[in-house]
Amino acid sequence: MTVGSKMHQTLVSLEGALANMKTFALDTEDQNAKKQFSDLANQLDSITQSFKDRVNYIESQEPQYKVYQQAQQQAQQQQQKQQQ
């Protein structure tokens, strides 16, 4: 697995954890737990944004790490081959 792939996988994991914390905050009736989950969601949001900024910076400096765009291009090429 390349560095770019690992970074994108980590970003997806962070976004998933953030979504879970927000869901937990909405699902609980316990006000203490709700506050704790909301606080954790805010911390994860900050971490996720910082990491996303880092990924974007690296991709701008090292184009070979643009994993998401490369995957989209490959998928489009495969679709075009299948349609032919």
PDB file of N, CA and C in Angstrom:
ATOM      1  N   MET A   1       0.852  -1.173   0.000  1.00  0.00           N
ATOM      2  CA  MET A   1       0.000   0.000   0.000  1.00  0.00           C
ATOM      3  C   MET A   1       0.894   1.232   0.000  1.00  0.00           C
ATOM      4  N   THR A   2       0.569   2.178  -0.873  1.00  0.00           N
ATOM      5  CA  THR A   2       1.388   3.379  -0.985  1.00  0.00           C
ATOM      6  C   THR A   2       1.072   4.364   0.143  1.00  0.00           C
ATOM      7  N   VAL A   3       1.933   5.332   0.301  1.00  0.00           N
ATOM      8  CA  VAL A   3       1.719   6.375   1.305  1.00  0.00           C
ATOM      9  C   VAL A   3       0.411   7.106   1.023  1.00  0.00           C
ATOM     10  N   GLY A   4       0.168   7.423  -0.250  1.00  0.00           N
ATOM     11  CA  GLY A   4      -1.072   8.113  -0.609  1.00  0.00           C
ATOM     12  C   GLY A   4      -2.297   7.307  -0.242  1.00  0.00           C
ATOM     13  N   SER A   5      -2.259   6.011  -0.506  1.00  0.00           N
ATOM     14  CA  SER A   5      -3.381   5.132  -0.155  1.00  0.00           C
ATOM     15  C   SER A   5      -3.599   5.091   1.352  1.00  0.00           C
ATOM     16  N   LYS A   6      -2.508   4.992   2.094  1.00  0.00           N
ATOM     17  CA  LYS A   6      -2.600   4.947   3.556  1.00  0.00           C
ATOM     18  C   LYS A   6      -3.191   6.246   4.107  1.00  0.00           C
ATOM     19  N   MET A   7      -2.771   7.360   3.529  1.00  0.00           N
ATOM     20  CA  MET A   7      -3.275   8.653   4.011  1.00  0.00           C
ATOM     21  C   MET A   7      -4.772   8.780   3.734  1.00  0.00           C
ATOM     22  N   HIS A   8      -5.194   8.363   2.558  1.00  0.00           N
ATOM     23  CA  HIS A   8      -6.619   8.441   2.234  1.00  0.00           C
ATOM     24  C   HIS A   8      -7.431   7.463   3.092  1.00  0.00           C
ATOM     25  N   GLN A   9      -6.875   6.305   3.352  1.00  0.00           N
ATOM     26  CA  GLN A   9      -7.550   5.341   4.207  1.00  0.00           C
ATOM     27  C   GLN A   9      -7.695   5.914   5.626  1.00  0.00           C
ATOM     28  N   THR A  10      -6.660   6.564   6.110  1.00  0.00           N
ATOM     29  CA  THR A  10      -6.713   7.190   7.434  1.00  0.00           C
ATOM     30  C   THR A  10      -7.744   8.305   7.463  1.00  0.00           C
ATOM     31  N   LEU A  11      -7.795   9.101   6.404  1.00  0.00           N
ATOM     32  CA  LEU A  11      -8.765  10.184   6.332  1.00  0.00           C
ATOM     33  C   LEU A  11     -10.196   9.639   6.370  1.00  0.00           C
ATOM     34  N   VAL A  12     -10.447   8.581   5.639  1.00  0.00           N
ATOM     35  CA  VAL A  12     -11.776   7.953   5.641  1.00  0.00           C
ATOM     36  C   VAL A  12     -12.107   7.429   7.040  1.00  0.00           C
ATOM     37  N   SER A  13     -11.134   6.840   7.709  1.00  0.00           N
ATOM     38  CA  SER A  13     -11.357   6.339   9.070  1.00  0.00           C
ATOM     39  C   SER A  13     -11.681   7.478  10.034  1.00  0.00           C
ATOM     40  N   LEU A  14     -10.951   8.579   9.917  1.00  0.00           N
ATOM     41  CA  LEU A  14     -11.228   9.738  10.774  1.00  0.00           C
ATOM     42  C   LEU A  14     -12.632  10.285  10.534  1.00  0.00           C
ATOM     43  N   GLU A  15     -13.011  10.379   9.265  1.00  0.00           N
ATOM     44  CA  GLU A  15     -14.349  10.876   8.939  1.00  0.00           C
ATOM     45  C   GLU A  15     -15.425   9.935   9.471  1.00  0.00           C
ATOM     46  N   GLY A  16     -15.154   8.630   9.428  1.00  0.00           N
ATOM     47  CA  GLY A  16     -16.099   7.659   9.978  1.00  0.00           C
ATOM     48  C   GLY A  16     -16.243   7.790  11.485  1.00  0.00           C
ATOM     49  N   ALA A  17     -15.123   7.955  12.166  1.00  0.00           N
ATOM     50  CA  ALA A  17     -15.155   8.132  13.618  1.00  0.00           C
ATOM     51  C   ALA A  17     -15.893   9.412  13.987  1.00  0.00           C
ATOM     52  N   LEU A  18     -15.675  10.466  13.220  1.00  0.00           N
ATOM     53  CA  LEU A  18     -16.378  11.731  13.455  1.00  0.00           C
ATOM     54  C   LEU A  18     -17.881  11.540  13.314  1.00  0.00           C
ATOM     55  N   ALA A  19     -18.301  10.863  12.262  1.00  0.00           N
ATOM     56  CA  ALA A  19     -19.725  10.610  12.049  1.00  0.00           C
ATOM     57  C   ALA A  19     -20.308   9.781  13.190  1.00  0.00           C
ATOM     58  N   ASN A  20     -19.547   8.797  13.667  1.00  0.00           N
ATOM     59  CA  ASN A  20     -20.016   7.979  14.786  1.00  0.00           C
ATOM     60  C   ASN A  20     -20.204   8.809  16.049  1.00  0.00           C
ATOM     61  N   MET A  21     -19.263   9.680  16.358  1.00  0.00           N
ATOM     62  CA  MET A  21     -19.381  10.509  17.563  1.00  0.00           C
ATOM     63  C   MET A  21     -20.615  11.412  17.483  1.00  0.00           C
ATOM     64  N   LYS A  22     -20.858  11.977  16.308  1.00  0.00           N
ATOM     65  CA  LYS A  22     -22.040  12.826  16.126  1.00  0.00           C
ATOM     66  C   LYS A  22     -23.320  12.015  16.302  1.00  0.00           C
ATOM     67  N   THR A  23     -23.316  10.795  15.782  1.00  0.00           N
ATOM     68  CA  THR A  23     -24.481   9.926  15.920  1.00  0.00           C
ATOM     69  C   THR A  23     -24.702   9.539  17.374  1.00  0.00           C
ATOM     70  N   PHE A  24     -23.628   9.192  18.070  1.00  0.00           N
ATOM     71  CA  PHE A  24     -23.751   8.847  19.482  1.00  0.00           C
ATOM     72  C   PHE A  24     -24.320  10.023  20.274  1.00  0.00           C
ATOM     73  N   ALA A  25     -23.866  11.224  19.961  1.00  0.00           N
ATOM     74  CA  ALA A  25     -24.363  12.416  20.663  1.00  0.00           C
ATOM     75  C   ALA A  25     -25.861  12.607  20.426  1.00  0.00           C
ATOM     76  N   LEU A  26     -26.305  12.323  19.225  1.00  0.00           N
ATOM     77  CA  LEU A  26     -27.729  12.473  18.913  1.00  0.00           C
ATOM     78  C   LEU A  26     -28.575  11.358  19.519  1.00  0.00           C
ATOM     79  N   ASP A  27     -28.006  10.166  19.627  1.00  0.00           N
ATOM     80  CA  ASP A  27     -28.775   8.997  20.059  1.00  0.00           C
ATOM     81  C   ASP A  27     -28.930   8.872  21.560  1.00  0.00           C
ATOM     82  N   THR A  28     -28.068   9.510  22.337  1.00  0.00           N
ATOM     83  CA  THR A  28     -28.123   9.320  23.787  1.00  0.00           C
ATOM     84  C   THR A  28     -29.041  10.343  24.448  1.00  0.00           C
ATOM     85  N   GLU A  29     -29.646   9.915  25.531  1.00  0.00           N
ATOM     86  CA  GLU A  29     -30.489  10.805  26.344  1.00  0.00           C
ATOM     87  C   GLU A  29     -29.699  11.403  27.514  1.00  0.00           C
ATOM     88  N   ASP A  30     -28.620  10.748  27.881  1.00  0.00           N
ATOM     89  CA  ASP A  30     -27.771  11.180  28.994  1.00  0.00           C
ATOM     90  C   ASP A  30     -27.037  12.457  28.591  1.00  0.00           C
ATOM     91  N   GLN A  31     -27.304  13.540  29.300  1.00  0.00           N
ATOM     92  CA  GLN A  31     -26.728  14.842  28.936  1.00  0.00           C
ATOM     93  C   GLN A  31     -25.204  14.868  29.083  1.00  0.00           C
ATOM     94  N   ASN A  32     -24.687  14.164  30.084  1.00  0.00           N
ATOM     95  CA  ASN A  32     -23.226  14.102  30.244  1.00  0.00           C
ATOM     96  C   ASN A  32     -22.583  13.382  29.067  1.00  0.00           C
ATOM     97  N   ALA A  33     -23.174  12.263  28.673  1.00  0.00           N
ATOM     98  CA  ALA A  33     -22.649  11.501  27.534  1.00  0.00           C
ATOM     99  C   ALA A  33     -22.795  12.318  26.251  1.00  0.00           C
ATOM    100  N   LYS A  34     -23.921  13.006  26.104  1.00  0.00           N
ATOM    101  CA  LYS A  34     -24.154  13.836  24.918  1.00  0.00           C
ATOM    102  C   LYS A  34     -23.069  14.906  24.788  1.00  0.00           C
ATOM    103  N   LYS A  35     -22.743  15.554  25.909  1.00  0.00           N
ATOM    104  CA  LYS A  35     -21.701  16.577  25.896  1.00  0.00           C
ATOM    105  C   LYS A  35     -20.338  15.964  25.575  1.00  0.00           C
ATOM    106  N   GLN A  36     -20.066  14.816  26.176  1.00  0.00           N
ATOM    107  CA  GLN A  36     -18.785  14.156  25.933  1.00  0.00           C
ATOM    108  C   GLN A  36     -18.651  13.775  24.454  1.00  0.00           C
ATOM    109  N   PHE A  37     -19.692  13.182  23.878  1.00  0.00           N
ATOM    110  CA  PHE A  37     -19.638  12.803  22.461  1.00  0.00           C
ATOM    111  C   PHE A  37     -19.510  14.029  21.565  1.00  0.00           C
ATOM    112  N   SER A  38     -20.195  15.103  21.929  1.00  0.00           N
ATOM    113  CA  SER A  38     -20.098  16.344  21.146  1.00  0.00           C
ATOM    114  C   SER A  38     -18.693  16.928  21.223  1.00  0.00           C
ATOM    115  N   ASP A  39     -18.106  16.904  22.418  1.00  0.00           N
ATOM    116  CA  ASP A  39     -16.735  17.394  22.585  1.00  0.00           C
ATOM    117  C   ASP A  39     -15.750  16.550  21.773  1.00  0.00           C
ATOM    118  N   LEU A  40     -15.939  15.239  21.825  1.00  0.00           N
ATOM    119  CA  LEU A  40     -15.073  14.343  21.050  1.00  0.00           C
ATOM    120  C   LEU A  40     -15.253  14.584  19.549  1.00  0.00           C
ATOM    121  N   ALA A  41     -16.490  14.822  19.129  1.00  0.00           N
ATOM    122  CA  ALA A  41     -16.747  15.106  17.715  1.00  0.00           C
ATOM    123  C   ALA A  41     -16.040  16.389  17.298  1.00  0.00           C
ATOM    124  N   ASN A  42     -16.067  17.393  18.140  1.00  0.00           N
ATOM    125  CA  ASN A  42     -15.386  18.653  17.820  1.00  0.00           C
ATOM    126  C   ASN A  42     -13.873  18.452  17.708  1.00  0.00           C
ATOM    127  N   GLN A  43     -13.313  17.664  18.610  1.00  0.00           N
ATOM    128  CA  GLN A  43     -11.882  17.374  18.551  1.00  0.00           C
ATOM    129  C   GLN A  43     -11.538  16.600  17.281  1.00  0.00           C
ATOM    130  N   LEU A  44     -12.353  15.594  16.963  1.00  0.00           N
ATOM    131  CA  LEU A  44     -12.113  14.807  15.751  1.00  0.00           C
ATOM    132  C   LEU A  44     -12.284  15.648  14.491  1.00  0.00           C
ATOM    133  N   ASP A  45     -13.214  16.573  14.533  1.00  0.00           N
ATOM    134  CA  ASP A  45     -13.413  17.457  13.385  1.00  0.00           C
ATOM    135  C   ASP A  45     -12.159  18.292  13.136  1.00  0.00           C
ATOM    136  N   SER A  46     -11.574  18.796  14.199  1.00  0.00           N
ATOM    137  CA  SER A  46     -10.351  19.582  14.086  1.00  0.00           C
ATOM    138  C   SER A  46      -9.196  18.722  13.560  1.00  0.00           C
ATOM    139  N   ILE A  47      -9.079  17.524  14.098  1.00  0.00           N
ATOM    140  CA  ILE A  47      -8.020  16.604  13.661  1.00  0.00           C
ATOM    141  C   ILE A  47      -8.215  16.234  12.201  1.00  0.00           C
ATOM    142  N   THR A  48      -9.443  15.920  11.837  1.00  0.00           N
ATOM    143  CA  THR A  48      -9.749  15.530  10.460  1.00  0.00           C
ATOM    144  C   THR A  48      -9.425  16.652   9.489  1.00  0.00           C
ATOM    145  N   GLN A  49      -9.798  17.867   9.843  1.00  0.00           N
ATOM    146  CA  GLN A  49      -9.526  19.001   8.963  1.00  0.00           C
ATOM    147  C   GLN A  49      -8.019  19.232   8.816  1.00  0.00           C
ATOM    148  N   SER A  50      -7.284  19.129   9.901  1.00  0.00           N
ATOM    149  CA  SER A  50      -5.827  19.288   9.840  1.00  0.00           C
ATOM    150  C   SER A  50      -5.201  18.214   8.964  1.00  0.00           C
ATOM    151  N   PHE A  51      -5.678  16.989   9.126  1.00  0.00           N
ATOM    152  CA  PHE A  51      -5.141  15.887   8.331  1.00  0.00           C
ATOM    153  C   PHE A  51      -5.494  16.062   6.857  1.00  0.00           C
ATOM    154  N   LYS A  52      -6.719  16.508   6.586  1.00  0.00           N
ATOM    155  CA  LYS A  52      -7.153  16.749   5.208  1.00  0.00           C
ATOM    156  C   LYS A  52      -6.296  17.835   4.566  1.00  0.00           C
ATOM    157  N   ASP A  53      -6.004  18.883   5.330  1.00  0.00           N
ATOM    158  CA  ASP A  53      -5.120  19.940   4.822  1.00  0.00           C
ATOM    159  C   ASP A  53      -3.740  19.384   4.487  1.00  0.00           C
ATOM    160  N   ARG A  54      -3.252  18.488   5.337  1.00  0.00           N
ATOM    161  CA  ARG A  54      -1.939  17.877   5.096  1.00  0.00           C
ATOM    162  C   ARG A  54      -1.962  17.016   3.838  1.00  0.00           C
ATOM    163  N   VAL A  55      -3.017  16.240   3.667  1.00  0.00           N
ATOM    164  CA  VAL A  55      -3.160  15.401   2.469  1.00  0.00           C
ATOM    165  C   VAL A  55      -3.170  16.281   1.221  1.00  0.00           C
ATOM    166  N   ASN A  56      -3.938  17.362   1.272  1.00  0.00           N
ATOM    167  CA  ASN A  56      -4.004  18.269   0.121  1.00  0.00           C
ATOM    168  C   ASN A  56      -2.645  18.888  -0.184  1.00  0.00           C
ATOM    169  N   TYR A  57      -1.914  19.257   0.866  1.00  0.00           N
ATOM    170  CA  TYR A  57      -0.586  19.833   0.667  1.00  0.00           C
ATOM    171  C   TYR A  57       0.348  18.813   0.024  1.00  0.00           C
ATOM    172  N   ILE A  58       0.349  17.614   0.562  1.00  0.00           N
ATOM    173  CA  ILE A  58       1.230  16.575   0.015  1.00  0.00           C
ATOM    174  C   ILE A  58       0.885  16.296  -1.437  1.00  0.00           C
ATOM    175  N   GLU A  59      -0.403  16.225  -1.737  1.00  0.00           N
ATOM    176  CA  GLU A  59      -0.812  15.963  -3.115  1.00  0.00           C
ATOM    177  C   GLU A  59      -0.400  17.098  -4.049  1.00  0.00           C
ATOM    178  N   SER A  60      -0.383  18.317  -3.547  1.00  0.00           N
ATOM    179  CA  SER A  60       0.040  19.430  -4.398  1.00  0.00           C
ATOM    180  C   SER A  60       1.554  19.398  -4.638  1.00  0.00           C
ATOM    181  N   GLN A  61       2.303  18.870  -3.672  1.00  0.00           N
ATOM    182  CA  GLN A  61       3.757  18.784  -3.791  1.00  0.00           C
ATOM    183  C   GLN A  61       4.213  17.502  -4.496  1.00  0.00           C
ATOM    184  N   GLU A  62       3.461  16.452  -4.311  1.00  0.00           N
ATOM    185  CA  GLU A  62       3.827  15.132  -4.848  1.00  0.00           C
ATOM    186  C   GLU A  62       2.624  14.559  -5.599  1.00  0.00           C
ATOM    187  N   PRO A  63       2.459  14.882  -6.860  1.00  0.00           N
ATOM    188  CA  PRO A  63       1.272  14.464  -7.617  1.00  0.00           C
ATOM    189  C   PRO A  63       1.031  12.958  -7.648  1.00  0.00           C
ATOM    190  N   GLN A  64       2.045  12.153  -7.455  1.00  0.00           N
ATOM    191  CA  GLN A  64       1.860  10.702  -7.484  1.00  0.00           C
ATOM    192  C   GLN A  64       1.004  10.215  -6.316  1.00  0.00           C
ATOM    193  N   TYR A  65       0.807  11.056  -5.299  1.00  0.00           N
ATOM    194  CA  TYR A  65      -0.008  10.667  -4.147  1.00  0.00           C
ATOM    195  C   TYR A  65      -1.491  10.975  -4.338  1.00  0.00           C
ATOM    196  N   LYS A  66      -1.865  11.476  -5.476  1.00  0.00           N
ATOM    197  CA  LYS A  66      -3.270  11.795  -5.737  1.00  0.00           C
ATOM    198  C   LYS A  66      -4.040  10.500  -6.006  1.00  0.00           C
ATOM    199  N   VAL A  67      -4.211   9.739  -4.968  1.00  0.00           N
ATOM    200  CA  VAL A  67      -4.804   8.405  -5.054  1.00  0.00           C
ATOM    201  C   VAL A  67      -6.257   8.477  -5.512  1.00  0.00           C
ATOM    202  N   TYR A  68      -7.018   9.360  -4.933  1.00  0.00           N
ATOM    203  CA  TYR A  68      -8.442   9.432  -5.237  1.00  0.00           C
ATOM    204  C   TYR A  68      -8.664   9.746  -6.710  1.00  0.00           C
ATOM    205  N   GLN A  69      -7.939  10.720  -7.229  1.00  0.00           N
ATOM    206  CA  GLN A  69      -8.086  11.082  -8.635  1.00  0.00           C
ATOM    207  C   GLN A  69      -7.626   9.948  -9.536  1.00  0.00           C
ATOM    208  N   GLN A  70      -6.560   9.274  -9.166  1.00  0.00           N
ATOM    209  CA  GLN A  70      -6.064   8.157  -9.962  1.00  0.00           C
ATOM    210  C   GLN A  70      -7.093   7.028  -9.988  1.00  0.00           C
ATOM    211  N   ALA A  71      -7.714   6.754  -8.863  1.00  0.00           N
ATOM    212  CA  ALA A  71      -8.720   5.689  -8.792  1.00  0.00           C
ATOM    213  C   ALA A  71      -9.927   6.043  -9.660  1.00  0.00           C
ATOM    214  N   GLN A  72     -10.328   7.306  -9.643  1.00  0.00           N
ATOM    215  CA  GLN A  72     -11.451   7.734 -10.481  1.00  0.00           C
ATOM    216  C   GLN A  72     -11.107   7.581 -11.959  1.00  0.00           C
ATOM    217  N   GLN A  73      -9.919   7.966 -12.338  1.00  0.00           N
ATOM    218  CA  GLN A  73      -9.503   7.849 -13.735  1.00  0.00           C
ATOM    219  C   GLN A  73      -9.476   6.394 -14.176  1.00  0.00           C
ATOM    220  N   GLN A  74      -8.984   5.519 -13.330  1.00  0.00           N
ATOM    221  CA  GLN A  74      -8.938   4.108 -13.666  1.00  0.00           C
ATOM    222  C   GLN A  74     -10.343   3.536 -13.803  1.00  0.00           C
ATOM    223  N   ALA A  75     -11.249   3.938 -12.919  1.00  0.00           N
ATOM    224  CA  ALA A  75     -12.630   3.461 -12.991  1.00  0.00           C
ATOM    225  C   ALA A  75     -13.302   3.941 -14.279  1.00  0.00           C
ATOM    226  N   GLN A  76     -13.056   5.188 -14.658  1.00  0.00           N
ATOM    227  CA  GLN A  76     -13.619   5.710 -15.903  1.00  0.00           C
ATOM    228  C   GLN A  76     -13.067   4.962 -17.109  1.00  0.00           C
ATOM    229  N   GLN A  77     -11.789   4.666 -17.092  1.00  0.00           N
ATOM    230  CA  GLN A  77     -11.183   3.927 -18.199  1.00  0.00           C
ATOM    231  C   GLN A  77     -11.779   2.520 -18.298  1.00  0.00           C
ATOM    232  N   GLN A  78     -12.010   1.877 -17.172  1.00  0.00           N
ATOM    233  CA  GLN A  78     -12.601   0.548 -17.185  1.00  0.00           C
ATOM    234  C   GLN A  78     -14.038   0.588 -17.708  1.00  0.00           C
ATOM    235  N   GLN A  79     -14.779   1.608 -17.317  1.00  0.00           N
ATOM    236  CA  GLN A  79     -16.158   1.754 -17.796  1.00  0.00           C
ATOM    237  C   GLN A  79     -16.172   1.968 -19.313  1.00  0.00           C
ATOM    238  N   GLN A  80     -15.255   2.765 -19.789  1.00  0.00           N
ATOM    239  CA  GLN A  80     -15.184   3.028 -21.229  1.00  0.00           C
ATOM    240  C   GLN A  80     -14.848   1.746 -21.986  1.00  0.00           C
ATOM    241  N   LYS A  81     -13.958   0.935 -21.446  1.00  0.00           N
ATOM    242  CA  LYS A  81     -13.602  -0.331 -22.088  1.00  0.00           C
ATOM    243  C   LYS A  81     -14.790  -1.281 -22.120  1.00  0.00           C
ATOM    244  N   GLN A  82     -15.572  -1.294 -21.038  1.00  0.00           N
ATOM    245  CA  GLN A  82     -16.728  -2.180 -20.963  1.00  0.00           C
ATOM    246  C   GLN A  82     -17.824  -1.737 -21.935  1.00  0.00           C
ATOM    247  N   GLN A  83     -17.939  -0.458 -22.174  1.00  0.00           N
ATOM    248  CA  GLN A  83     -18.966   0.060 -23.076  1.00  0.00           C
ATOM    249  C   GLN A  83     -18.609  -0.191 -24.543  1.00  0.00           C
ATOM    250  N   GLN A  84     -17.354  -0.414 -24.818  1.00  0.00           N
ATOM    251  CA  GLN A  84     -16.913  -0.620 -26.199  1.00  0.00           C
ATOM    252  C   GLN A  84     -17.145  -2.013 -26.668  1.00  0.00           C
TER     253      GLN A  84
END
